[in-house]
Amino acid sequence: MEILPTIIVAVVCIAVAGVLGALFGWNRRKATAEREIGSAEEEATRIVNEAYKNAENKKREALLEAKEEILKAKNDYEREEKERRADLQKQERRLQQKEENLDRKTENMEKKEEQLSAKLAKLDASQAKVEELKQKQTEELERISGFTAAEAKSYLLQQLEEDVTHESAMKIKEIESRFKDEADTKAREIISLAIQRCAADHVSEATVSVVPLPNDEMKGRIIGREGRNIRTLETLTGVDLIIDDTPEAITVSCFDPVRREIARLALEKLILDGRIHPTRIEEMVEKAKRDVDAVIKSEGERAIFETNVHGLHPELVKLLGRMHYRTSYGQNVLNHSIEVSHLAGLLAAEIGANVAEAKRAGLLHDLGKSIDHEVEGSHVQIGVELARKYRESEGVIHAIHAHHNDVDPKTVVACLVQAADAISAARPGARRENLENYIKRLETLEEITSSFPGVEKSFAIQAGREVRIMVKPEMVSEDQMVLLARDIAKKIENELEYPGQIKVNLIRETKAIEYAK
């Protein structure tokens, strides 16, 4: 029990010692802190003072620099101002000199104007005197001659006009007569020379081809079971096969020579092969088409080689080759075009025209005939469109357009192509149409046009390419003429077969006659 109070006392002593130690340490730290604070305040005061001093120094330096800059700028400004004043003074002196020059010039101009005014006054006075003298002379001449000035002038002009008119009329008549004789002789010589230098044979062609057979048994094989072979061949080629009692022959009929040629070649190949059935027929027809295309190309190249016409578009060469299988009144169109090209070139050479253009236009003049009936329009219009499409020259296009007088020929080449076309077509044996059929066609054309009411007379001209109709003016008005021309053209299309196109030309003439009594 005595130990416990001792422990408590010890503990209390320790606690008191600890408290006293703590109080002592705190007081010492406080004193240390107060000393540090004091030194820091002193340091801060020193720094602030130095900062004030530095700021004052920099302020003074900045003021000095600013004053120096202002002084420098002021000096520069004063220098520039002096320079500008000097320039202004120079300009003022120049302007003053110019004003002085202008003043001198103005004075000179005024002096010259005064001199000119004086001269004009003298001239006016002189002119008045001249007019007065002229008037006196005119009056004296009128008194002597008995004519006024206007009457004398009219009389002289009349006499001069009569003399000149008579002499010019006589001279014109003499020149026309001489040139007409020379032109007729020269034209005959040129045409005869051209025809003599270009002689060509013509063979009329028909619209049927005959294919020989090795025996009559082949006819049955071509017809096939229930006619399947012949139907296949006719369908693929577009021709008519005529199998009749003619021994060992089959006739191929078609208006299109290209189709007829394809069918003929296919038949010949089938007969040689011996295997005739629809599949084989298709193969042979395709092969025949390729053969015909090759012939077309070679014929086109032959045409341009023979005529020496180069630079044609490849498509034009093919179209020329297609004309090898076209005929016009039995005349082969390609051979006709080649001949026209030669004739046009020879005529052009004789008269000094453009030979190359004439031969080119002659070769291409019937280009529209190479196109089948699927394209609408006359062969002239089709040829013009094809030539323009493949960029032929305007001279060639005009010659194609004018070779049947669809338009009036305006160039020498167009007239030469017209003449060469007529010469080639009129050559004996060139065209198959005989005189009887030709006259009958013209009579039919005139009968058709004369059947309309209001038509007084009708004349078929231009070899049946134009019909000229005289109408009665009291029955057909100007507005009705358009409808009547259309009706006549429609009836001609429906009732008459003719090559190319026919121009319907209506003429309405009104006359008024009165007698003065």
Protein backbone atom coordinates (compact mmCIF):
# COMPACT_ATOMS: atom_id res chain seq x y z
CA MET A 1 0.00 0.00 0.00
CA GLU A 2 2.95 2.35 0.51
CA ILE A 3 4.20 1.78 -3.03
CA LEU A 4 1.07 3.19 -4.72
CA PRO A 5 1.37 6.73 -3.27
CA THR A 6 4.98 6.69 -4.27
CA ILE A 7 4.09 5.79 -7.85
CA ILE A 8 1.41 8.44 -7.99
CA VAL A 9 3.82 11.05 -6.68
CA ALA A 10 6.40 9.93 -9.26
CA VAL A 11 3.88 10.15 -12.04
CA VAL A 12 2.77 13.59 -10.91
CA CYS A 13 6.40 14.72 -10.78
CA ILE A 14 7.03 13.43 -14.28
CA ALA A 15 3.92 15.19 -15.58
CA VAL A 16 4.89 18.46 -13.94
CA ALA A 17 8.41 18.15 -15.35
CA GLY A 18 7.00 17.52 -18.81
CA VAL A 19 4.73 20.57 -18.59
CA LEU A 20 7.56 22.77 -17.43
CA GLY A 21 9.82 21.49 -20.22
CA ALA A 22 7.19 22.20 -22.77
CA LEU A 23 6.62 25.72 -21.53
CA PHE A 24 10.32 26.40 -21.65
CA GLY A 25 10.72 25.08 -25.23
CA TRP A 26 7.75 27.09 -26.47
CA ASN A 27 9.17 30.30 -25.04
CA ARG A 28 12.48 29.66 -26.75
CA ARG A 29 10.85 28.93 -30.14
CA LYS A 30 8.79 32.12 -29.78
CA ALA A 31 11.85 34.20 -29.21
CA THR A 32 13.53 32.59 -32.22
CA ALA A 33 10.49 33.26 -34.39
CA GLU A 34 10.31 36.86 -33.30
CA ARG A 35 13.96 37.34 -34.22
CA GLU A 36 13.40 35.77 -37.66
CA ILE A 37 10.34 37.94 -38.26
CA GLY A 38 12.29 41.02 -37.38
CA SER A 39 15.12 40.13 -39.75
CA ALA A 40 12.60 39.34 -42.53
CA GLU A 41 10.90 42.71 -42.12
CA GLU A 42 14.24 44.42 -42.33
CA GLU A 43 15.11 42.47 -45.48
CA ALA A 44 11.73 43.34 -47.00
CA THR A 45 12.21 47.01 -46.22
CA ARG A 46 15.62 46.88 -47.88
CA ILE A 47 14.25 45.17 -50.99
CA VAL A 48 11.42 47.67 -51.30
CA ASN A 49 13.83 50.55 -51.01
CA GLU A 50 16.07 49.09 -53.68
CA ALA A 51 13.04 48.52 -55.90
CA TYR A 52 12.02 52.17 -55.53
CA LYS A 53 15.54 53.25 -56.40
CA ASN A 54 15.63 50.96 -59.51
CA ALA A 55 12.22 52.19 -60.63
CA GLU A 56 13.30 55.80 -60.33
CA ASN A 57 16.44 55.03 -62.33
CA LYS A 58 14.47 53.28 -65.11
CA LYS A 59 11.93 56.07 -65.16
CA ARG A 60 14.67 58.63 -65.65
CA GLU A 61 16.24 56.47 -68.41
CA ALA A 62 12.87 56.04 -70.18
CA LEU A 63 12.24 59.78 -70.06
CA LEU A 64 15.66 60.43 -71.54
CA GLU A 65 15.08 57.92 -74.35
CA ALA A 66 11.64 59.39 -75.07
CA LYS A 67 13.07 62.88 -75.25
CA GLU A 68 15.79 61.66 -77.61
CA GLU A 69 13.20 59.94 -79.89
CA ILE A 70 11.01 63.04 -79.94
CA LEU A 71 13.99 65.18 -80.82
CA LYS A 72 15.02 62.78 -83.60
CA ALA A 73 11.48 62.65 -85.04
CA LYS A 74 11.28 66.43 -84.92
CA ASN A 75 14.54 66.73 -86.83
CA ASP A 76 13.36 64.18 -89.46
CA TYR A 77 10.08 66.01 -89.89
CA GLU A 78 11.79 69.34 -90.30
CA ARG A 79 14.13 67.83 -92.92
CA GLU A 80 11.25 66.27 -94.89
CA GLU A 81 9.29 69.50 -94.68
CA LYS A 82 12.23 71.40 -96.11
CA GLU A 83 12.51 68.87 -98.98
CA ARG A 84 8.78 69.13 -99.74
CA ARG A 85 8.94 72.89 -99.69
CA ALA A 86 11.81 72.74 -102.14
CA ASP A 87 9.82 70.39 -104.45
CA LEU A 88 6.78 72.62 -104.25
CA GLN A 89 8.86 75.62 -105.14
CA LYS A 90 10.28 73.76 -108.18
CA GLN A 91 6.77 72.77 -109.31
CA GLU A 92 5.54 76.30 -108.83
CA ARG A 93 8.37 77.60 -111.01
CA ARG A 94 7.52 74.97 -113.70
CA LEU A 95 3.83 75.87 -113.62
CA GLN A 96 4.68 79.51 -113.88
CA GLN A 97 6.86 78.80 -116.92
CA LYS A 98 4.06 76.75 -118.52
CA GLU A 99 1.57 79.53 -117.90
CA GLU A 100 3.93 81.99 -119.53
CA ASN A 101 4.31 79.64 -122.55
CA LEU A 102 0.55 79.24 -122.82
CA ASP A 103 0.09 82.96 -122.67
CA ARG A 104 2.57 83.43 -125.52
CA LYS A 105 0.86 80.68 -127.57
CA THR A 106 -2.53 82.22 -126.93
CA GLU A 107 -1.29 85.56 -128.15
CA ASN A 108 0.12 83.90 -131.28
CA MET A 109 -3.19 82.10 -131.92
CA GLU A 110 -5.11 85.32 -131.57
CA LYS A 111 -2.80 87.00 -134.06
CA LYS A 112 -3.23 84.08 -136.52
CA GLU A 113 -7.01 84.18 -136.11
CA GLU A 114 -7.02 87.85 -136.93
CA GLN A 115 -4.92 87.18 -140.02
CA LEU A 116 -7.20 84.28 -141.11
CA SER A 117 -10.27 86.42 -140.58
CA ALA A 118 -8.78 89.04 -142.81
CA LYS A 119 -7.95 86.46 -145.50
CA LEU A 120 -11.46 84.95 -145.30
CA ALA A 121 -12.94 88.36 -145.76
CA LYS A 122 -10.80 88.86 -148.86
CA LEU A 123 -11.78 85.40 -150.17
CA ASP A 124 -15.48 86.08 -149.63
CA ALA A 125 -15.12 89.29 -151.54
CA SER A 126 -13.24 87.49 -154.35
CA GLN A 127 -15.83 84.70 -154.47
CA ALA A 128 -18.64 87.19 -154.70
CA LYS A 129 -16.88 88.82 -157.64
CA VAL A 130 -16.37 85.38 -159.28
CA GLU A 131 -20.03 84.47 -158.81
CA GLU A 132 -21.04 87.80 -160.27
CA LEU A 133 -18.80 87.26 -163.31
CA LYS A 134 -20.05 83.66 -163.70
CA GLN A 135 -23.64 84.83 -163.59
CA LYS A 136 -22.96 87.46 -166.25
CA GLN A 137 -21.22 84.85 -168.47
CA THR A 138 -24.11 82.40 -168.04
CA GLU A 139 -26.66 85.05 -168.94
CA GLU A 140 -24.59 86.01 -171.98
CA LEU A 141 -24.33 82.33 -173.07
CA GLU A 142 -28.08 81.80 -172.60
CA ARG A 143 -28.75 84.92 -174.68
CA ILE A 144 -26.44 83.75 -177.47
CA SER A 145 -27.56 80.05 -177.51
CA GLY A 146 -31.24 80.58 -176.82
CA PHE A 147 -31.21 77.81 -174.13
CA THR A 148 -31.31 78.06 -170.39
CA ALA A 149 -28.61 76.28 -168.39
CA ALA A 150 -30.97 73.43 -167.40
CA GLU A 151 -32.19 73.01 -171.00
CA ALA A 152 -28.63 72.94 -172.35
CA LYS A 153 -27.57 70.37 -169.74
CA SER A 154 -30.56 68.15 -170.49
CA TYR A 155 -29.94 68.43 -174.25
CA LEU A 156 -26.28 67.43 -173.94
CA LEU A 157 -27.06 64.47 -171.67
CA GLN A 158 -29.76 63.26 -174.02
CA GLN A 159 -27.46 63.40 -177.02
CA LEU A 160 -24.70 61.63 -175.13
CA GLU A 161 -27.10 58.93 -173.85
CA GLU A 162 -28.43 58.24 -177.34
CA ASP A 163 -24.94 57.91 -178.78
CA VAL A 164 -23.68 55.69 -175.96
CA THR A 165 -26.81 53.50 -175.92
CA HIS A 166 -26.66 52.82 -179.63
CA GLU A 167 -22.96 52.07 -179.62
CA SER A 168 -23.17 49.85 -176.52
CA ALA A 169 -26.13 47.92 -177.93
CA MET A 170 -24.30 47.28 -181.18
CA LYS A 171 -21.16 46.25 -179.30
CA ILE A 172 -23.04 43.93 -176.96
CA LYS A 173 -24.87 42.33 -179.86
CA GLU A 174 -21.63 41.81 -181.72
CA ILE A 175 -19.87 40.32 -178.65
CA GLU A 176 -22.82 38.05 -177.85
CA SER A 177 -22.98 36.77 -181.40
CA ARG A 178 -19.24 36.09 -181.54
CA PHE A 179 -19.08 34.41 -178.16
CA LYS A 180 -22.18 32.35 -178.85
CA ASP A 181 -20.64 30.92 -181.99
CA GLU A 182 -17.35 30.30 -180.24
CA ALA A 183 -19.06 28.78 -177.17
CA ASP A 184 -21.18 26.38 -179.23
CA THR A 185 -18.16 25.21 -181.20
CA LYS A 186 -15.98 24.93 -178.11
CA ALA A 187 -18.66 23.06 -176.14
CA ARG A 188 -19.11 20.53 -178.92
CA GLU A 189 -15.36 20.00 -179.12
CA ILE A 190 -14.99 19.57 -175.36
CA ILE A 191 -17.86 17.10 -175.06
CA SER A 192 -16.74 15.09 -178.09
CA LEU A 193 -13.15 14.93 -176.79
CA ALA A 194 -14.32 13.85 -173.34
CA ILE A 195 -16.60 11.15 -174.74
CA GLN A 196 -13.90 9.85 -177.07
CA ARG A 197 -11.36 9.63 -174.24
CA CYS A 198 -13.79 7.77 -171.96
CA ALA A 199 -15.44 4.89 -173.74
CA ALA A 200 -17.04 2.25 -171.51
CA ASP A 201 -19.16 -0.81 -172.07
CA HIS A 202 -22.51 -1.22 -170.36
CA VAL A 203 -24.43 -4.42 -169.72
CA SER A 204 -28.03 -4.26 -168.59
CA GLU A 205 -28.74 -6.16 -165.39
CA ALA A 206 -31.97 -7.82 -164.37
CA THR A 207 -33.64 -8.34 -161.00
CA VAL A 208 -33.31 -12.14 -161.10
CA SER A 209 -30.40 -14.57 -160.87
CA VAL A 210 -30.39 -18.13 -162.15
CA VAL A 211 -28.55 -20.80 -160.14
CA PRO A 212 -27.70 -23.95 -162.13
CA LEU A 213 -28.33 -27.35 -160.48
CA PRO A 214 -26.44 -30.58 -161.08
CA ASN A 215 -29.73 -32.49 -161.42
CA ASP A 216 -33.47 -32.06 -160.78
CA GLU A 217 -33.25 -34.15 -157.60
CA MET A 218 -31.48 -31.20 -155.98
CA LYS A 219 -34.70 -29.16 -156.23
CA GLY A 220 -36.40 -31.46 -153.75
CA ARG A 221 -33.48 -31.29 -151.35
CA ILE A 222 -33.48 -27.49 -151.54
CA ILE A 223 -37.21 -27.43 -150.81
CA GLY A 224 -36.76 -29.82 -147.88
CA ARG A 225 -39.29 -31.66 -145.77
CA GLU A 226 -42.54 -29.67 -145.83
CA GLY A 227 -40.59 -26.79 -147.38
CA ARG A 228 -38.48 -26.02 -144.29
CA ASN A 229 -35.22 -25.56 -146.21
CA ILE A 230 -36.60 -23.10 -148.77
CA ARG A 231 -38.50 -21.18 -146.07
CA THR A 232 -35.32 -20.88 -144.00
CA LEU A 233 -33.31 -19.64 -146.98
CA GLU A 234 -35.98 -17.12 -148.01
CA THR A 235 -36.35 -15.85 -144.42
CA LEU A 236 -32.61 -15.40 -143.87
CA THR A 237 -31.89 -13.71 -147.22
CA GLY A 238 -35.17 -11.89 -147.95
CA VAL A 239 -35.45 -13.25 -151.52
CA ASP A 240 -37.97 -15.33 -153.44
CA LEU A 241 -36.85 -18.72 -154.77
CA ILE A 242 -38.74 -19.68 -157.91
CA ILE A 243 -38.66 -23.43 -158.52
CA ASP A 244 -40.59 -24.27 -161.67
CA ASP A 245 -40.35 -26.75 -164.54
CA THR A 246 -37.11 -25.22 -165.80
CA PRO A 247 -34.70 -28.16 -165.89
CA GLU A 248 -31.67 -28.03 -163.60
CA ALA A 249 -32.12 -24.38 -162.59
CA ILE A 250 -33.56 -22.28 -159.77
CA THR A 251 -34.40 -18.59 -160.14
CA VAL A 252 -33.57 -16.16 -157.32
CA SER A 253 -35.76 -13.06 -157.48
CA CYS A 254 -35.34 -9.90 -155.38
CA PHE A 255 -35.38 -6.15 -155.95
CA ASP A 256 -32.27 -5.79 -153.75
CA PRO A 257 -29.17 -7.00 -155.65
CA VAL A 258 -27.19 -7.44 -152.43
CA ARG A 259 -29.72 -9.85 -150.98
CA ARG A 260 -29.98 -11.63 -154.32
CA GLU A 261 -26.20 -12.03 -154.50
CA ILE A 262 -26.05 -13.38 -150.92
CA ALA A 263 -28.78 -15.90 -151.70
CA ARG A 264 -27.08 -16.95 -154.94
CA LEU A 265 -23.71 -17.51 -153.26
CA ALA A 266 -25.33 -19.38 -150.36
CA LEU A 267 -27.21 -21.64 -152.78
CA GLU A 268 -24.08 -22.40 -154.79
CA LYS A 269 -22.15 -23.25 -151.62
CA LEU A 270 -24.99 -25.50 -150.37
CA ILE A 271 -25.18 -27.30 -153.70
CA LEU A 272 -21.42 -27.91 -153.69
CA ASP A 273 -21.47 -29.02 -150.04
CA GLY A 274 -24.46 -31.34 -150.46
CA ARG A 275 -25.59 -30.97 -146.82
CA ILE A 276 -28.80 -28.94 -146.97
CA HIS A 277 -30.64 -28.37 -143.68
CA PRO A 278 -31.62 -25.22 -141.74
CA THR A 279 -28.48 -25.11 -139.58
CA ARG A 280 -26.20 -25.52 -142.58
CA ILE A 281 -28.22 -22.92 -144.49
CA GLU A 282 -27.63 -20.39 -141.68
CA GLU A 283 -23.88 -21.08 -141.79
CA MET A 284 -23.70 -20.69 -145.57
CA VAL A 285 -25.77 -17.49 -145.53
CA GLU A 286 -23.42 -15.95 -142.94
CA LYS A 287 -20.40 -16.99 -145.00
CA ALA A 288 -22.00 -15.53 -148.13
CA LYS A 289 -22.61 -12.26 -146.29
CA ARG A 290 -18.95 -12.08 -145.34
CA ASP A 291 -17.96 -12.77 -148.94
CA VAL A 292 -20.28 -10.05 -150.22
CA ASP A 293 -18.90 -7.58 -147.64
CA ALA A 294 -15.39 -8.37 -148.86
CA VAL A 295 -16.48 -7.80 -152.46
CA ILE A 296 -18.11 -4.50 -151.46
CA LYS A 297 -14.89 -3.30 -149.87
CA SER A 298 -12.75 -4.37 -152.82
CA GLU A 299 -15.14 -2.76 -155.33
CA GLY A 300 -15.06 0.51 -153.39
CA GLU A 301 -11.26 0.45 -153.39
CA ARG A 302 -11.26 -0.36 -157.10
CA ALA A 303 -13.47 2.64 -157.80
CA ILE A 304 -11.23 5.11 -155.96
CA PHE A 305 -8.14 3.53 -157.56
CA GLU A 306 -9.56 3.79 -161.09
CA THR A 307 -10.71 7.38 -160.62
CA ASN A 308 -7.64 8.43 -158.59
CA VAL A 309 -9.86 9.99 -155.94
CA HIS A 310 -8.15 9.68 -152.58
CA GLY A 311 -8.82 10.81 -149.03
CA LEU A 312 -12.36 9.39 -148.85
CA HIS A 313 -13.78 8.38 -145.49
CA PRO A 314 -13.71 4.55 -145.05
CA GLU A 315 -17.50 4.48 -144.76
CA LEU A 316 -17.82 6.29 -148.09
CA VAL A 317 -15.59 3.64 -149.66
CA LYS A 318 -17.95 0.93 -148.37
CA LEU A 319 -20.98 2.81 -149.68
CA LEU A 320 -19.32 3.07 -153.10
CA GLY A 321 -18.72 -0.68 -153.00
CA ARG A 322 -22.42 -1.29 -152.24
CA MET A 323 -23.27 0.52 -155.49
CA HIS A 324 -21.65 -2.44 -157.31
CA TYR A 325 -24.87 -4.32 -156.52
CA ARG A 326 -27.22 -1.43 -157.39
CA THR A 327 -28.73 -0.78 -160.79
CA SER A 328 -30.62 2.14 -162.30
CA TYR A 329 -32.67 1.20 -165.33
CA GLY A 330 -30.41 -1.81 -165.71
CA GLN A 331 -27.22 0.27 -165.56
CA ASN A 332 -24.72 -0.62 -162.84
CA VAL A 333 -24.59 2.39 -160.53
CA LEU A 334 -20.92 1.96 -159.55
CA ASN A 335 -19.74 1.70 -163.15
CA HIS A 336 -21.95 4.67 -164.00
CA SER A 337 -20.40 6.70 -161.14
CA ILE A 338 -16.87 5.80 -162.26
CA GLU A 339 -17.69 6.86 -165.81
CA VAL A 340 -19.26 10.13 -164.63
CA SER A 341 -16.11 10.78 -162.57
CA HIS A 342 -13.89 10.28 -165.63
CA LEU A 343 -16.13 12.40 -167.86
CA ALA A 344 -16.39 15.23 -165.33
CA GLY A 345 -12.61 15.21 -164.87
CA LEU A 346 -11.99 15.32 -168.63
CA LEU A 347 -14.50 18.15 -169.11
CA ALA A 348 -12.93 20.07 -166.24
CA ALA A 349 -9.47 19.62 -167.76
CA GLU A 350 -10.69 20.94 -171.11
CA ILE A 351 -12.14 24.16 -169.66
CA GLY A 352 -9.51 24.69 -166.94
CA ALA A 353 -11.74 23.91 -163.93
CA ASN A 354 -10.80 21.99 -160.77
CA VAL A 355 -10.22 18.44 -162.06
CA ALA A 356 -9.83 16.78 -158.66
CA GLU A 357 -13.06 18.27 -157.30
CA ALA A 358 -14.97 17.41 -160.49
CA LYS A 359 -13.84 13.76 -160.38
CA ARG A 360 -14.65 13.51 -156.67
CA ALA A 361 -18.13 14.98 -157.15
CA GLY A 362 -18.75 12.74 -160.18
CA LEU A 363 -17.80 9.62 -158.22
CA LEU A 364 -20.05 10.54 -155.28
CA HIS A 365 -23.01 12.07 -157.17
CA ASP A 366 -25.21 8.94 -156.87
CA LEU A 367 -24.05 8.08 -153.34
CA GLY A 368 -27.65 8.05 -152.07
CA LYS A 369 -28.45 5.03 -154.26
CA SER A 370 -26.25 2.84 -152.05
CA ILE A 371 -28.80 3.12 -149.23
CA ASP A 372 -31.84 0.84 -149.31
CA HIS A 373 -35.50 1.83 -148.93
CA GLU A 374 -35.36 1.86 -145.12
CA VAL A 375 -34.00 5.45 -145.29
CA GLU A 376 -36.60 7.95 -146.47
CA GLY A 377 -35.90 10.61 -149.05
CA SER A 378 -34.65 10.85 -152.62
CA HIS A 379 -31.21 9.55 -153.50
CA VAL A 380 -30.09 13.17 -154.00
CA GLN A 381 -31.08 14.22 -150.49
CA ILE A 382 -29.63 11.06 -148.96
CA GLY A 383 -26.37 11.59 -150.87
CA VAL A 384 -26.14 15.20 -149.64
CA GLU A 385 -26.67 14.10 -146.02
CA LEU A 386 -24.07 11.33 -146.31
CA ALA A 387 -21.49 13.65 -147.89
CA ARG A 388 -22.08 16.26 -145.20
CA LYS A 389 -21.91 13.58 -142.48
CA TYR A 390 -18.49 12.41 -143.68
CA ARG A 391 -17.21 15.99 -144.08
CA GLU A 392 -16.95 16.39 -147.82
CA SER A 393 -16.31 19.90 -149.16
CA GLU A 394 -19.18 22.28 -149.86
CA GLY A 395 -18.37 22.23 -153.58
CA VAL A 396 -18.81 18.43 -153.75
CA ILE A 397 -22.00 18.57 -151.64
CA HIS A 398 -23.49 21.24 -153.90
CA ALA A 399 -22.64 19.23 -157.02
CA ILE A 400 -24.43 16.18 -155.54
CA HIS A 401 -27.42 18.34 -154.61
CA ALA A 402 -27.68 19.96 -158.04
CA HIS A 403 -27.03 17.02 -160.39
CA HIS A 404 -30.81 16.47 -160.90
CA ASN A 405 -31.68 20.20 -160.62
CA ASP A 406 -33.08 19.83 -157.10
CA VAL A 407 -31.25 23.14 -156.60
CA ASP A 408 -29.87 25.44 -159.23
CA PRO A 409 -26.18 24.74 -159.99
CA LYS A 410 -24.02 27.65 -158.85
CA THR A 411 -20.54 26.29 -159.61
CA VAL A 412 -18.74 25.09 -162.72
CA VAL A 413 -18.16 21.67 -161.11
CA ALA A 414 -21.91 21.21 -160.50
CA CYS A 415 -22.64 21.95 -164.17
CA LEU A 416 -19.91 19.54 -165.30
CA VAL A 417 -21.30 16.74 -163.10
CA GLN A 418 -24.76 17.37 -164.58
CA ALA A 419 -23.36 17.13 -168.10
CA ALA A 420 -21.28 14.02 -167.36
CA ASP A 421 -24.27 12.31 -165.72
CA ALA A 422 -26.43 13.04 -168.77
CA ILE A 423 -23.72 11.79 -171.15
CA SER A 424 -23.26 8.54 -169.24
CA ALA A 425 -26.98 7.88 -168.96
CA ALA A 426 -27.67 8.71 -172.61
CA ARG A 427 -24.93 6.46 -173.96
CA PRO A 428 -26.45 3.78 -176.26
CA GLY A 429 -27.10 0.62 -174.28
CA ALA A 430 -26.49 2.26 -170.92
CA ARG A 431 -30.11 2.34 -169.80
CA ARG A 432 -32.56 -0.46 -170.40
CA GLU A 433 -35.72 1.65 -170.51
CA ASN A 434 -36.89 1.81 -174.10
CA LEU A 435 -38.51 4.75 -175.83
CA GLU A 436 -42.01 3.27 -175.71
CA ASN A 437 -41.97 2.85 -171.91
CA TYR A 438 -40.42 6.28 -171.46
CA ILE A 439 -43.11 8.00 -173.54
CA LYS A 440 -45.82 5.99 -171.80
CA ARG A 441 -44.56 7.08 -168.39
CA LEU A 442 -44.53 10.75 -169.42
CA GLU A 443 -48.06 10.48 -170.87
CA THR A 444 -49.30 8.84 -167.68
CA LEU A 445 -47.73 11.60 -165.63
CA GLU A 446 -49.45 14.27 -167.70
CA GLU A 447 -52.79 12.40 -167.52
CA ILE A 448 -52.61 12.17 -163.73
CA THR A 449 -51.89 15.87 -163.32
CA SER A 450 -54.53 16.92 -165.86
CA SER A 451 -57.26 14.93 -164.05
CA PHE A 452 -57.58 17.51 -161.27
CA PRO A 453 -60.19 20.28 -161.61
CA GLY A 454 -58.75 23.69 -162.27
CA VAL A 455 -55.75 22.37 -164.24
CA GLU A 456 -55.56 23.96 -167.69
CA LYS A 457 -52.40 22.34 -169.10
CA SER A 458 -49.60 20.12 -167.81
CA PHE A 459 -46.19 19.38 -169.27
CA ALA A 460 -43.72 16.68 -168.22
CA ILE A 461 -40.19 18.07 -168.50
CA GLN A 462 -36.65 17.24 -167.35
CA ALA A 463 -37.04 13.61 -168.55
CA GLY A 464 -40.04 13.15 -166.29
CA ARG A 465 -38.34 14.53 -163.18
CA GLU A 466 -40.57 17.63 -163.18
CA VAL A 467 -44.15 18.31 -164.20
CA ARG A 468 -45.12 21.91 -164.91
CA ILE A 469 -48.84 22.63 -164.45
CA MET A 470 -50.75 25.71 -165.61
CA VAL A 471 -53.88 26.29 -163.50
CA LYS A 472 -56.94 28.44 -164.19
CA PRO A 473 -56.69 31.51 -161.96
CA GLU A 474 -60.47 31.93 -161.73
CA MET A 475 -60.84 28.40 -160.30
CA VAL A 476 -57.68 27.99 -158.19
CA SER A 477 -56.70 30.67 -155.67
CA GLU A 478 -53.22 31.29 -154.27
CA ASP A 479 -54.06 29.44 -151.07
CA GLN A 480 -55.58 26.48 -152.95
CA MET A 481 -52.41 26.04 -154.99
CA VAL A 482 -50.51 24.64 -152.01
CA LEU A 483 -53.22 22.04 -151.34
CA LEU A 484 -53.55 21.19 -155.03
CA ALA A 485 -49.79 20.63 -155.38
CA ARG A 486 -49.83 18.31 -152.38
CA ASP A 487 -52.81 16.33 -153.74
CA ILE A 488 -51.16 15.93 -157.16
CA ALA A 489 -47.90 14.74 -155.54
CA LYS A 490 -49.80 12.19 -153.44
CA LYS A 491 -51.65 10.82 -156.48
CA ILE A 492 -48.39 10.54 -158.45
CA GLU A 493 -46.81 8.61 -155.57
CA ASN A 494 -49.77 6.20 -155.39
CA GLU A 495 -50.36 5.56 -159.09
CA LEU A 496 -47.02 5.94 -160.85
CA GLU A 497 -43.71 4.06 -160.58
CA TYR A 498 -40.69 6.25 -161.27
CA PRO A 499 -37.03 6.55 -160.28
CA GLY A 500 -35.88 9.30 -157.93
CA GLN A 501 -38.41 12.08 -157.35
CA ILE A 502 -40.75 14.25 -159.43
CA LYS A 503 -41.03 17.99 -158.84
CA VAL A 504 -44.62 19.32 -159.04
CA ASN A 505 -44.46 22.93 -160.23
CA LEU A 506 -47.77 24.86 -160.29
CA ILE A 507 -48.05 28.17 -162.18
CA ARG A 508 -50.95 30.59 -161.75
CA GLU A 509 -50.95 33.63 -164.04
CA THR A 510 -53.49 36.46 -164.09
CA LYS A 511 -53.59 38.95 -166.94
CA ALA A 512 -55.54 42.20 -167.22
CA ILE A 513 -56.03 43.70 -170.70
CA GLU A 514 -57.66 47.05 -171.50
CA TYR A 515 -57.69 49.21 -174.61
CA ALA A 516 -57.32 52.99 -174.68
CA LYS A 517 -59.64 54.59 -177.22
